[in-house]
Protein backbone atom coordinates (compact mmCIF):
# COMPACT_ATOMS: atom_id res chain seq x y z
CA UNK A 1 2.86 -20.56 -33.00
CA UNK A 2 2.10 -18.78 -29.71
CA UNK A 3 1.61 -15.01 -29.64
CA UNK A 4 3.85 -12.96 -27.31
CA UNK A 5 2.01 -10.33 -25.27
CA UNK A 6 3.22 -7.57 -22.94
CA UNK A 7 1.64 -7.01 -19.51
CA UNK A 8 -1.40 -4.76 -20.17
CA UNK A 9 -2.65 -6.64 -23.27
CA UNK A 10 -2.10 -9.93 -21.41
CA UNK A 11 -4.19 -8.78 -18.44
CA UNK A 12 -6.92 -7.51 -20.79
CA UNK A 13 -6.94 -10.82 -22.67
CA UNK A 14 -7.19 -12.75 -19.39
CA UNK A 15 -10.10 -10.61 -18.17
CA UNK A 16 -11.96 -10.84 -21.49
CA UNK A 17 -11.40 -14.61 -21.71
CA UNK A 18 -12.60 -15.05 -18.12
CA UNK A 19 -15.75 -13.07 -18.92
CA UNK A 20 -16.43 -15.12 -22.05
CA UNK A 21 -15.79 -18.36 -20.15
CA UNK A 22 -18.17 -17.22 -17.43
CA UNK A 23 -20.91 -16.48 -20.00
CA UNK A 24 -20.52 -19.88 -21.69
CA UNK A 25 -20.70 -21.65 -18.34
CA UNK A 26 -23.83 -19.76 -17.34
CA UNK A 27 -25.48 -20.61 -20.68
CA UNK A 28 -24.68 -24.29 -20.07
CA UNK A 29 -25.91 -24.02 -16.46
CA UNK A 30 -22.46 -24.88 -15.10
CA UNK A 31 -20.35 -23.17 -12.41
CA UNK A 32 -18.79 -19.98 -13.78
CA UNK A 33 -15.32 -21.06 -12.74
CA UNK A 34 -15.47 -24.03 -15.13
CA UNK A 35 -15.59 -21.79 -18.20
CA UNK A 36 -12.89 -19.56 -16.76
CA UNK A 37 -10.61 -22.56 -16.22
CA UNK A 38 -11.21 -24.04 -19.66
CA UNK A 39 -10.60 -20.77 -21.50
CA UNK A 40 -7.57 -20.15 -19.27
CA UNK A 41 -6.08 -23.47 -20.37
CA UNK A 42 -6.75 -22.70 -24.03
CA UNK A 43 -5.33 -19.16 -23.86
CA UNK A 44 -2.38 -20.38 -21.79
CA UNK A 45 -1.36 -22.66 -24.66
CA UNK A 46 -1.82 -20.02 -27.36
CA UNK A 47 -0.22 -16.99 -25.72
CA UNK A 48 3.31 -16.51 -24.43
CA UNK A 49 3.91 -13.62 -22.07
CA UNK A 50 6.69 -11.25 -23.01
CA UNK A 51 9.63 -11.79 -20.62
CA UNK A 52 9.01 -8.43 -18.90
CA UNK A 53 5.32 -9.31 -18.38
CA UNK A 54 5.75 -12.74 -16.76
CA UNK A 55 6.47 -11.64 -13.19
CA UNK A 56 3.79 -8.92 -13.02
CA UNK A 57 1.12 -11.26 -14.42
CA UNK A 58 2.09 -13.94 -11.89
CA UNK A 59 1.95 -11.33 -9.12
CA UNK A 60 -1.56 -10.30 -10.17
CA UNK A 61 -2.59 -13.98 -10.33
CA UNK A 62 -1.24 -14.59 -6.82
CA UNK A 63 -3.14 -11.57 -5.51
CA UNK A 64 -6.30 -12.99 -7.09
CA UNK A 65 -5.74 -16.36 -5.41
CA UNK A 66 -5.16 -14.66 -2.05
CA UNK A 67 -8.36 -12.63 -2.45
CA UNK A 68 -10.38 -15.75 -3.34
CA UNK A 69 -9.08 -17.61 -0.28
CA UNK A 70 -9.62 -14.57 1.95
CA UNK A 71 -13.21 -14.22 0.76
CA UNK A 72 -13.70 -17.94 1.35
CA UNK A 73 -12.52 -17.52 4.93
CA UNK A 74 -14.89 -14.59 5.42
CA UNK A 75 -17.79 -16.75 4.28
CA UNK A 76 -17.15 -19.57 6.75
CA UNK A 77 -18.67 -19.75 10.19
CA UNK A 78 -15.92 -20.53 12.73
CA UNK A 79 -18.20 -22.52 15.06
CA UNK A 80 -19.41 -24.77 12.24
CA UNK A 81 -15.80 -25.12 11.05
CA UNK A 82 -14.69 -26.28 14.53
CA UNK A 83 -17.68 -28.60 14.84
CA UNK A 84 -16.87 -30.43 11.60
CA UNK A 85 -13.06 -30.42 11.75
CA UNK A 86 -12.76 -34.05 12.95
CA UNK A 87 -15.06 -35.61 10.33
CA UNK A 88 -13.49 -33.33 7.71
CA UNK A 89 -10.03 -34.56 8.67
CA UNK A 90 -11.22 -38.14 8.15
CA UNK A 91 -12.60 -37.25 4.73
CA UNK A 92 -9.38 -35.32 3.99
CA UNK A 93 -7.24 -38.36 4.87
CA UNK A 94 -9.34 -40.45 2.49
CA UNK A 95 -8.92 -37.70 -0.10
CA UNK A 96 -5.16 -38.07 0.27
CA UNK A 97 -4.81 -41.84 0.49
CA UNK A 98 -6.92 -42.81 -2.53
CA UNK A 99 -5.40 -40.44 -5.12
CA UNK A 100 -1.89 -40.96 -3.72
CA UNK A 101 -2.21 -44.75 -3.90
CA UNK A 102 -3.66 -44.66 -7.42
CA UNK A 103 -0.99 -42.22 -8.64
CA UNK A 104 1.82 -44.14 -6.97
CA UNK A 105 0.64 -47.48 -8.37
CA UNK A 106 0.26 -45.94 -11.84
CA UNK A 107 3.84 -44.70 -11.63
CA UNK A 108 5.10 -48.13 -10.60
CA UNK A 109 3.09 -49.82 -13.39
CA UNK A 110 4.69 -47.46 -15.92
CA UNK A 111 8.13 -48.41 -14.62
CA UNK A 112 9.01 -45.30 -12.63
CA UNK A 113 11.04 -45.50 -9.42
CA UNK A 114 9.81 -44.75 -5.87
CA UNK A 115 10.53 -41.00 -5.97
CA UNK A 116 8.86 -40.36 -9.34
CA UNK A 117 5.89 -42.59 -8.46
CA UNK A 118 5.52 -40.80 -5.11
CA UNK A 119 5.59 -37.45 -6.88
CA UNK A 120 2.88 -38.62 -9.29
CA UNK A 121 0.76 -39.72 -6.33
CA UNK A 122 1.31 -36.45 -4.46
CA UNK A 123 0.47 -34.38 -7.52
CA UNK A 124 -2.98 -36.00 -7.53
CA UNK A 125 -3.52 -35.20 -3.83
CA UNK A 126 -3.72 -31.41 -4.15
CA UNK A 127 -7.22 -29.96 -4.18
CA UNK A 128 -8.29 -26.41 -4.72
CA UNK A 129 -9.99 -25.00 -1.66
CA UNK A 130 -10.67 -21.83 -3.65
CA UNK A 131 -12.46 -23.59 -6.48
CA UNK A 132 -14.56 -25.75 -4.15
CA UNK A 133 -15.47 -22.76 -2.02
CA UNK A 134 -16.25 -20.60 -5.04
CA UNK A 135 -18.66 -23.17 -6.45
CA UNK A 136 -20.29 -23.70 -3.05
CA UNK A 137 -20.59 -19.96 -2.46
CA UNK A 138 -22.24 -19.35 -5.84
CA UNK A 139 -24.67 -22.18 -5.10
CA UNK A 140 -25.46 -20.71 -1.67
CA UNK A 141 -24.20 -23.87 0.04
CA UNK A 142 -20.94 -22.63 1.59
CA UNK A 143 -22.42 -22.07 5.05
CA UNK A 144 -24.29 -25.38 5.19
CA UNK A 145 -22.93 -28.39 7.06
CA UNK A 146 -22.09 -30.08 3.75
CA UNK A 147 -20.35 -26.98 2.39
CA UNK A 148 -18.31 -26.58 5.56
CA UNK A 149 -17.41 -30.28 5.50
CA UNK A 150 -16.24 -30.01 1.89
CA UNK A 151 -14.11 -26.92 2.54
CA UNK A 152 -12.71 -28.33 5.81
CA UNK A 153 -11.86 -31.58 4.00
CA UNK A 154 -10.13 -29.69 1.19
CA UNK A 155 -8.09 -27.74 3.75
CA UNK A 156 -7.14 -30.98 5.57
CA UNK A 157 -6.30 -32.54 2.21
CA UNK A 158 -3.97 -29.68 1.31
CA UNK A 159 -2.28 -29.60 4.73
CA UNK A 160 -1.63 -33.35 4.64
CA UNK A 161 -0.36 -33.07 1.05
CA UNK A 162 2.07 -30.27 1.96
CA UNK A 163 3.34 -32.25 4.96
CA UNK A 164 3.87 -35.34 2.78
CA UNK A 165 5.70 -33.31 0.13
CA UNK A 166 7.93 -31.83 2.82
CA UNK A 167 8.73 -35.28 4.20
CA UNK A 168 9.30 -37.00 0.85
CA UNK A 169 11.11 -34.20 -0.95
């Protein structure tokens, strides 16, 4: 049975779990964010936030996401970004078409209608610019051509995905 936590204990638990996840990842020579994500999924299934704590915890999480994306933007070189935007868009389109097609076809094979199958496909399209950039930054590869191409592609992927969701839903 999940444990119900108020705001301050919930934030402390999240910070401690993130630190532990980071340490495990480092010991296994993996990106720190991997351990943070895994422990976040585990804790998320074991802990229920008290009703009064839900909104503040989500607000803090959103601020963290904004900070991660802002720091990612600070780490990118605008000239390199512009230089690689066309190839990145091509990669981004491929990163949309393949997962969308596989998700859509899976939905159809399982007997779902067009809307549900489209939603399954679109849910597989979304990438996390923040996670990609965080891993690249920690590896010292964010400002390389490959790092810029990956981040540009993830941005294109997300923009195309949002446009498709807007059109379909």
